[in-house]
């Protein structure tokens, strides 16, 4: 059975955690969109769009994968080959709590504590705008992607639902 799972949601929703858990259970490759989008070691330097598109096109040809991220336009590129879409539509307060607990995830680049703290505050401010911002990283864009997806799909809105989904995934595999 092929598993090609696409996970979308706000920053701090738990996409990376869930993606790693699903990939580990099914023993399939895991790809965070951040590694395709950002230059290595530079969370402020993007790869050229054509390189990102080419990388997505190559990855989705694999028979099994889990890809996660906030970038809806990248999810659009992957969706035609996905067998399953998971939207982590987690409440903002939970996302912000998760971000506070984990930090900005750029410790290898952000070595100075004051730089890490500023990056975390900037990330939390950005995440807080999920409902109102425009573009493919917005909640409205993710909702549209979810609604038009034709395969299996789950909209998870709490930690409890995410935990239940993980338990169900283990039984399916």
C-alpha atoms as a PDB file:
ATOM      1  CA  UNK A   1       0.000   0.000   0.000  1.00  0.00           C
ATOM      2  CA  UNK A   2       1.331   3.424  -0.946  1.00  0.00           C
ATOM      3  CA  UNK A   3       1.348   6.207   1.590  1.00  0.00           C
ATOM      4  CA  UNK A   4       1.806   9.701   0.197  1.00  0.00           C
ATOM      5  CA  UNK A   5       0.745  11.990   3.021  1.00  0.00           C
ATOM      6  CA  UNK A   6       0.628  15.770   2.826  1.00  0.00           C
ATOM      7  CA  UNK A   7       0.345  17.697   6.122  1.00  0.00           C
ATOM      8  CA  UNK A   8      -0.535  21.406   6.243  1.00  0.00           C
ATOM      9  CA  UNK A   9      -1.254  23.890   9.022  1.00  0.00           C
ATOM     10  CA  UNK A  10      -0.034  26.929  10.920  1.00  0.00           C
ATOM     11  CA  UNK A  11       3.401  27.279  12.466  1.00  0.00           C
ATOM     12  CA  UNK A  12       3.394  25.510  15.811  1.00  0.00           C
ATOM     13  CA  UNK A  13       0.463  23.241  14.911  1.00  0.00           C
ATOM     14  CA  UNK A  14       2.615  20.107  15.172  1.00  0.00           C
ATOM     15  CA  UNK A  15       3.135  19.323  11.489  1.00  0.00           C
ATOM     16  CA  UNK A  16       6.754  18.234  11.885  1.00  0.00           C
ATOM     17  CA  UNK A  17       6.011  16.113  14.951  1.00  0.00           C
ATOM     18  CA  UNK A  18       3.088  14.395  13.226  1.00  0.00           C
ATOM     19  CA  UNK A  19       4.994  13.961   9.957  1.00  0.00           C
ATOM     20  CA  UNK A  20       7.920  12.299  11.695  1.00  0.00           C
ATOM     21  CA  UNK A  21       5.586  10.049  13.685  1.00  0.00           C
ATOM     22  CA  UNK A  22       3.684   8.885  10.583  1.00  0.00           C
ATOM     23  CA  UNK A  23       6.860   8.377   8.556  1.00  0.00           C
ATOM     24  CA  UNK A  24       8.518   6.440  11.384  1.00  0.00           C
ATOM     25  CA  UNK A  25       5.480   4.167  11.801  1.00  0.00           C
ATOM     26  CA  UNK A  26       5.197   3.435   8.074  1.00  0.00           C
ATOM     27  CA  UNK A  27       8.991   3.428   7.570  1.00  0.00           C
ATOM     28  CA  UNK A  28       8.775   5.908   4.702  1.00  0.00           C
ATOM     29  CA  UNK A  29      10.679   9.122   3.867  1.00  0.00           C
ATOM     30  CA  UNK A  30       9.810  12.382   5.634  1.00  0.00           C
ATOM     31  CA  UNK A  31      10.286  15.759   3.957  1.00  0.00           C
ATOM     32  CA  UNK A  32       9.710  19.090   5.679  1.00  0.00           C
ATOM     33  CA  UNK A  33       8.856  21.852   3.204  1.00  0.00           C
ATOM     34  CA  UNK A  34      11.189  24.168   5.128  1.00  0.00           C
ATOM     35  CA  UNK A  35      14.215  22.224   3.874  1.00  0.00           C
ATOM     36  CA  UNK A  36      13.000  22.636   0.291  1.00  0.00           C
ATOM     37  CA  UNK A  37      12.111  26.309   0.730  1.00  0.00           C
ATOM     38  CA  UNK A  38      15.011  27.740   2.756  1.00  0.00           C
ATOM     39  CA  UNK A  39      18.705  27.652   1.868  1.00  0.00           C
ATOM     40  CA  UNK A  40      20.709  25.391   4.232  1.00  0.00           C
ATOM     41  CA  UNK A  41      21.650  27.266   7.370  1.00  0.00           C
ATOM     42  CA  UNK A  42      19.701  30.375   6.356  1.00  0.00           C
ATOM     43  CA  UNK A  43      16.075  30.638   7.389  1.00  0.00           C
ATOM     44  CA  UNK A  44      15.921  34.067   5.729  1.00  0.00           C
ATOM     45  CA  UNK A  45      17.262  32.984   2.308  1.00  0.00           C
ATOM     46  CA  UNK A  46      14.859  31.182   0.020  1.00  0.00           C
ATOM     47  CA  UNK A  47      15.761  28.766  -2.723  1.00  0.00           C
ATOM     48  CA  UNK A  48      14.737  30.051  -6.158  1.00  0.00           C
ATOM     49  CA  UNK A  49      11.116  29.120  -6.911  1.00  0.00           C
ATOM     50  CA  UNK A  50      12.059  27.014  -9.933  1.00  0.00           C
ATOM     51  CA  UNK A  51      14.402  24.907  -7.745  1.00  0.00           C
ATOM     52  CA  UNK A  52      11.645  24.402  -5.169  1.00  0.00           C
ATOM     53  CA  UNK A  53       9.203  23.368  -7.886  1.00  0.00           C
ATOM     54  CA  UNK A  54      11.724  20.917  -9.354  1.00  0.00           C
ATOM     55  CA  UNK A  55      12.457  19.427  -5.918  1.00  0.00           C
ATOM     56  CA  UNK A  56       8.742  18.954  -5.225  1.00  0.00           C
ATOM     57  CA  UNK A  57       8.185  17.377  -8.640  1.00  0.00           C
ATOM     58  CA  UNK A  58      10.991  14.908  -7.980  1.00  0.00           C
ATOM     59  CA  UNK A  59       9.911  14.005  -4.430  1.00  0.00           C
ATOM     60  CA  UNK A  60       6.302  13.332  -5.275  1.00  0.00           C
ATOM     61  CA  UNK A  61       7.314  10.713  -7.850  1.00  0.00           C
ATOM     62  CA  UNK A  62       8.424   8.443  -5.001  1.00  0.00           C
ATOM     63  CA  UNK A  63       5.920   5.748  -4.100  1.00  0.00           C
ATOM     64  CA  UNK A  64       5.801   6.664  -0.403  1.00  0.00           C
ATOM     65  CA  UNK A  65       6.392   9.902   1.496  1.00  0.00           C
ATOM     66  CA  UNK A  66       5.242  12.307   4.151  1.00  0.00           C
ATOM     67  CA  UNK A  67       5.622  15.992   3.256  1.00  0.00           C
ATOM     68  CA  UNK A  68       4.667  18.718   5.718  1.00  0.00           C
ATOM     69  CA  UNK A  69       4.643  22.476   5.776  1.00  0.00           C
ATOM     70  CA  UNK A  70       2.847  25.786   5.898  1.00  0.00           C
ATOM     71  CA  UNK A  71       3.480  26.728   2.248  1.00  0.00           C
ATOM     72  CA  UNK A  72       0.156  26.146   0.507  1.00  0.00           C
ATOM     73  CA  UNK A  73       1.552  26.744  -2.983  1.00  0.00           C
ATOM     74  CA  UNK A  74       4.029  23.922  -2.389  1.00  0.00           C
ATOM     75  CA  UNK A  75       1.230  21.729  -1.052  1.00  0.00           C
ATOM     76  CA  UNK A  76      -0.664  22.450  -4.282  1.00  0.00           C
ATOM     77  CA  UNK A  77       2.302  21.027  -6.214  1.00  0.00           C
ATOM     78  CA  UNK A  78       2.303  17.865  -4.094  1.00  0.00           C
ATOM     79  CA  UNK A  79      -1.458  17.339  -3.725  1.00  0.00           C
ATOM     80  CA  UNK A  80      -2.084  15.641  -7.102  1.00  0.00           C
ATOM     81  CA  UNK A  81       0.096  12.662  -6.016  1.00  0.00           C
ATOM     82  CA  UNK A  82      -0.932  12.650  -2.342  1.00  0.00           C
ATOM     83  CA  UNK A  83      -3.078   9.773  -1.150  1.00  0.00           C
ATOM     84  CA  UNK A  84      -3.933  11.567   2.084  1.00  0.00           C
ATOM     85  CA  UNK A  85      -4.166  15.192   3.252  1.00  0.00           C
ATOM     86  CA  UNK A  86      -4.012  16.099   6.934  1.00  0.00           C
ATOM     87  CA  UNK A  87      -4.824  19.663   7.954  1.00  0.00           C
ATOM     88  CA  UNK A  88      -3.754  20.532  11.478  1.00  0.00           C
ATOM     89  CA  UNK A  89      -6.264  23.295  12.181  1.00  0.00           C
ATOM     90  CA  UNK A  90      -5.117  23.724  15.757  1.00  0.00           C
ATOM     91  CA  UNK A  91      -6.271  26.728  17.867  1.00  0.00           C
ATOM     92  CA  UNK A  92      -3.873  29.664  17.879  1.00  0.00           C
ATOM     93  CA  UNK A  93      -3.259  29.509  21.638  1.00  0.00           C
ATOM     94  CA  UNK A  94      -2.020  25.919  21.265  1.00  0.00           C
ATOM     95  CA  UNK A  95       0.209  26.838  18.308  1.00  0.00           C
ATOM     96  CA  UNK A  96       1.771  29.694  20.279  1.00  0.00           C
ATOM     97  CA  UNK A  97       2.315  27.434  23.295  1.00  0.00           C
ATOM     98  CA  UNK A  98       3.983  24.842  21.055  1.00  0.00           C
ATOM     99  CA  UNK A  99       6.227  27.512  19.504  1.00  0.00           C
ATOM    100  CA  UNK A 100       7.246  28.731  22.958  1.00  0.00           C
ATOM    101  CA  UNK A 101       8.097  25.190  24.053  1.00  0.00           C
ATOM    102  CA  UNK A 102      10.114  24.265  20.973  1.00  0.00           C
ATOM    103  CA  UNK A 103      11.651  27.598  19.945  1.00  0.00           C
ATOM    104  CA  UNK A 104      12.283  28.732  16.373  1.00  0.00           C
ATOM    105  CA  UNK A 105      14.063  25.470  15.345  1.00  0.00           C
ATOM    106  CA  UNK A 106      17.120  27.240  13.988  1.00  0.00           C
ATOM    107  CA  UNK A 107      19.539  26.690  16.872  1.00  0.00           C
ATOM    108  CA  UNK A 108      22.388  25.727  14.528  1.00  0.00           C
ATOM    109  CA  UNK A 109      22.056  29.116  12.804  1.00  0.00           C
ATOM    110  CA  UNK A 110      20.847  31.295  15.658  1.00  0.00           C
ATOM    111  CA  UNK A 111      23.571  30.782  18.209  1.00  0.00           C
ATOM    112  CA  UNK A 112      23.139  34.003  20.181  1.00  0.00           C
ATOM    113  CA  UNK A 113      20.332  33.862  22.747  1.00  0.00           C
ATOM    114  CA  UNK A 114      19.009  37.364  21.996  1.00  0.00           C
ATOM    115  CA  UNK A 115      18.833  36.518  18.275  1.00  0.00           C
ATOM    116  CA  UNK A 116      16.939  33.285  19.034  1.00  0.00           C
ATOM    117  CA  UNK A 117      14.534  35.146  21.310  1.00  0.00           C
ATOM    118  CA  UNK A 118      13.817  37.775  18.634  1.00  0.00           C
ATOM    119  CA  UNK A 119      13.338  35.072  15.981  1.00  0.00           C
ATOM    120  CA  UNK A 120      10.872  33.270  18.251  1.00  0.00           C
ATOM    121  CA  UNK A 121       8.883  36.452  18.889  1.00  0.00           C
ATOM    122  CA  UNK A 122       8.812  37.193  15.161  1.00  0.00           C
ATOM    123  CA  UNK A 123       7.633  33.641  14.444  1.00  0.00           C
ATOM    124  CA  UNK A 124       4.888  33.881  17.068  1.00  0.00           C
ATOM    125  CA  UNK A 125       3.718  37.206  15.623  1.00  0.00           C
ATOM    126  CA  UNK A 126       3.649  35.651  12.155  1.00  0.00           C
ATOM    127  CA  UNK A 127       1.759  32.563  13.408  1.00  0.00           C
ATOM    128  CA  UNK A 128      -0.773  34.783  15.187  1.00  0.00           C
ATOM    129  CA  UNK A 129      -1.752  36.268  11.807  1.00  0.00           C
ATOM    130  CA  UNK A 130      -2.777  32.856  10.363  1.00  0.00           C
ATOM    131  CA  UNK A 131      -6.470  33.835  10.292  1.00  0.00           C
ATOM    132  CA  UNK A 132      -5.943  37.251   8.702  1.00  0.00           C
ATOM    133  CA  UNK A 133      -2.872  37.096   6.502  1.00  0.00           C
ATOM    134  CA  UNK A 134      -3.194  36.607   2.775  1.00  0.00           C
ATOM    135  CA  UNK A 135      -1.391  34.203   0.504  1.00  0.00           C
ATOM    136  CA  UNK A 136      -0.715  30.504   0.530  1.00  0.00           C
ATOM    137  CA  UNK A 137       0.389  30.358   4.178  1.00  0.00           C
ATOM    138  CA  UNK A 138      -2.989  31.610   5.415  1.00  0.00           C
ATOM    139  CA  UNK A 139      -5.753  29.587   7.040  1.00  0.00           C
ATOM    140  CA  UNK A 140      -8.143  30.504   4.224  1.00  0.00           C
ATOM    141  CA  UNK A 141      -5.768  29.081   1.628  1.00  0.00           C
ATOM    142  CA  UNK A 142      -5.346  25.867   3.642  1.00  0.00           C
ATOM    143  CA  UNK A 143      -9.135  25.588   3.968  1.00  0.00           C
ATOM    144  CA  UNK A 144      -9.505  25.875   0.184  1.00  0.00           C
ATOM    145  CA  UNK A 145      -6.812  23.272  -0.398  1.00  0.00           C
ATOM    146  CA  UNK A 146      -8.526  20.949   2.066  1.00  0.00           C
ATOM    147  CA  UNK A 147     -11.960  21.419   0.515  1.00  0.00           C
ATOM    148  CA  UNK A 148     -10.810  20.699  -3.047  1.00  0.00           C
ATOM    149  CA  UNK A 149      -8.637  17.673  -2.178  1.00  0.00           C
ATOM    150  CA  UNK A 150     -10.215  14.530  -3.642  1.00  0.00           C
ATOM    151  CA  UNK A 151      -8.377  11.827  -1.666  1.00  0.00           C
ATOM    152  CA  UNK A 152      -8.566  10.758   1.960  1.00  0.00           C
ATOM    153  CA  UNK A 153      -8.419  13.762   4.247  1.00  0.00           C
ATOM    154  CA  UNK A 154      -8.567  14.647   7.917  1.00  0.00           C
ATOM    155  CA  UNK A 155      -8.947  18.024   9.596  1.00  0.00           C
ATOM    156  CA  UNK A 156      -7.558  17.693  13.108  1.00  0.00           C
ATOM    157  CA  UNK A 157      -8.408  20.480  15.561  1.00  0.00           C
ATOM    158  CA  UNK A 158      -6.915  19.368  18.884  1.00  0.00           C
ATOM    159  CA  UNK A 159      -4.055  17.410  20.430  1.00  0.00           C
ATOM    160  CA  UNK A 160      -6.562  14.691  21.284  1.00  0.00           C
ATOM    161  CA  UNK A 161      -7.595  14.338  17.628  1.00  0.00           C
ATOM    162  CA  UNK A 162      -3.944  14.239  16.549  1.00  0.00           C
ATOM    163  CA  UNK A 163      -3.210  11.504  19.110  1.00  0.00           C
ATOM    164  CA  UNK A 164      -6.258   9.520  17.955  1.00  0.00           C
ATOM    165  CA  UNK A 165      -5.174   9.885  14.327  1.00  0.00           C
ATOM    166  CA  UNK A 166      -1.690   8.561  15.203  1.00  0.00           C
ATOM    167  CA  UNK A 167      -3.233   5.533  16.927  1.00  0.00           C
ATOM    168  CA  UNK A 168      -5.439   4.862  13.901  1.00  0.00           C
ATOM    169  CA  UNK A 169      -2.417   5.238  11.583  1.00  0.00           C
ATOM    170  CA  UNK A 170      -0.521   2.597  13.581  1.00  0.00           C
ATOM    171  CA  UNK A 171      -3.427   0.172  13.138  1.00  0.00           C
ATOM    172  CA  UNK A 172      -3.603   0.821   9.394  1.00  0.00           C
ATOM    173  CA  UNK A 173       0.047   0.149   8.752  1.00  0.00           C
END
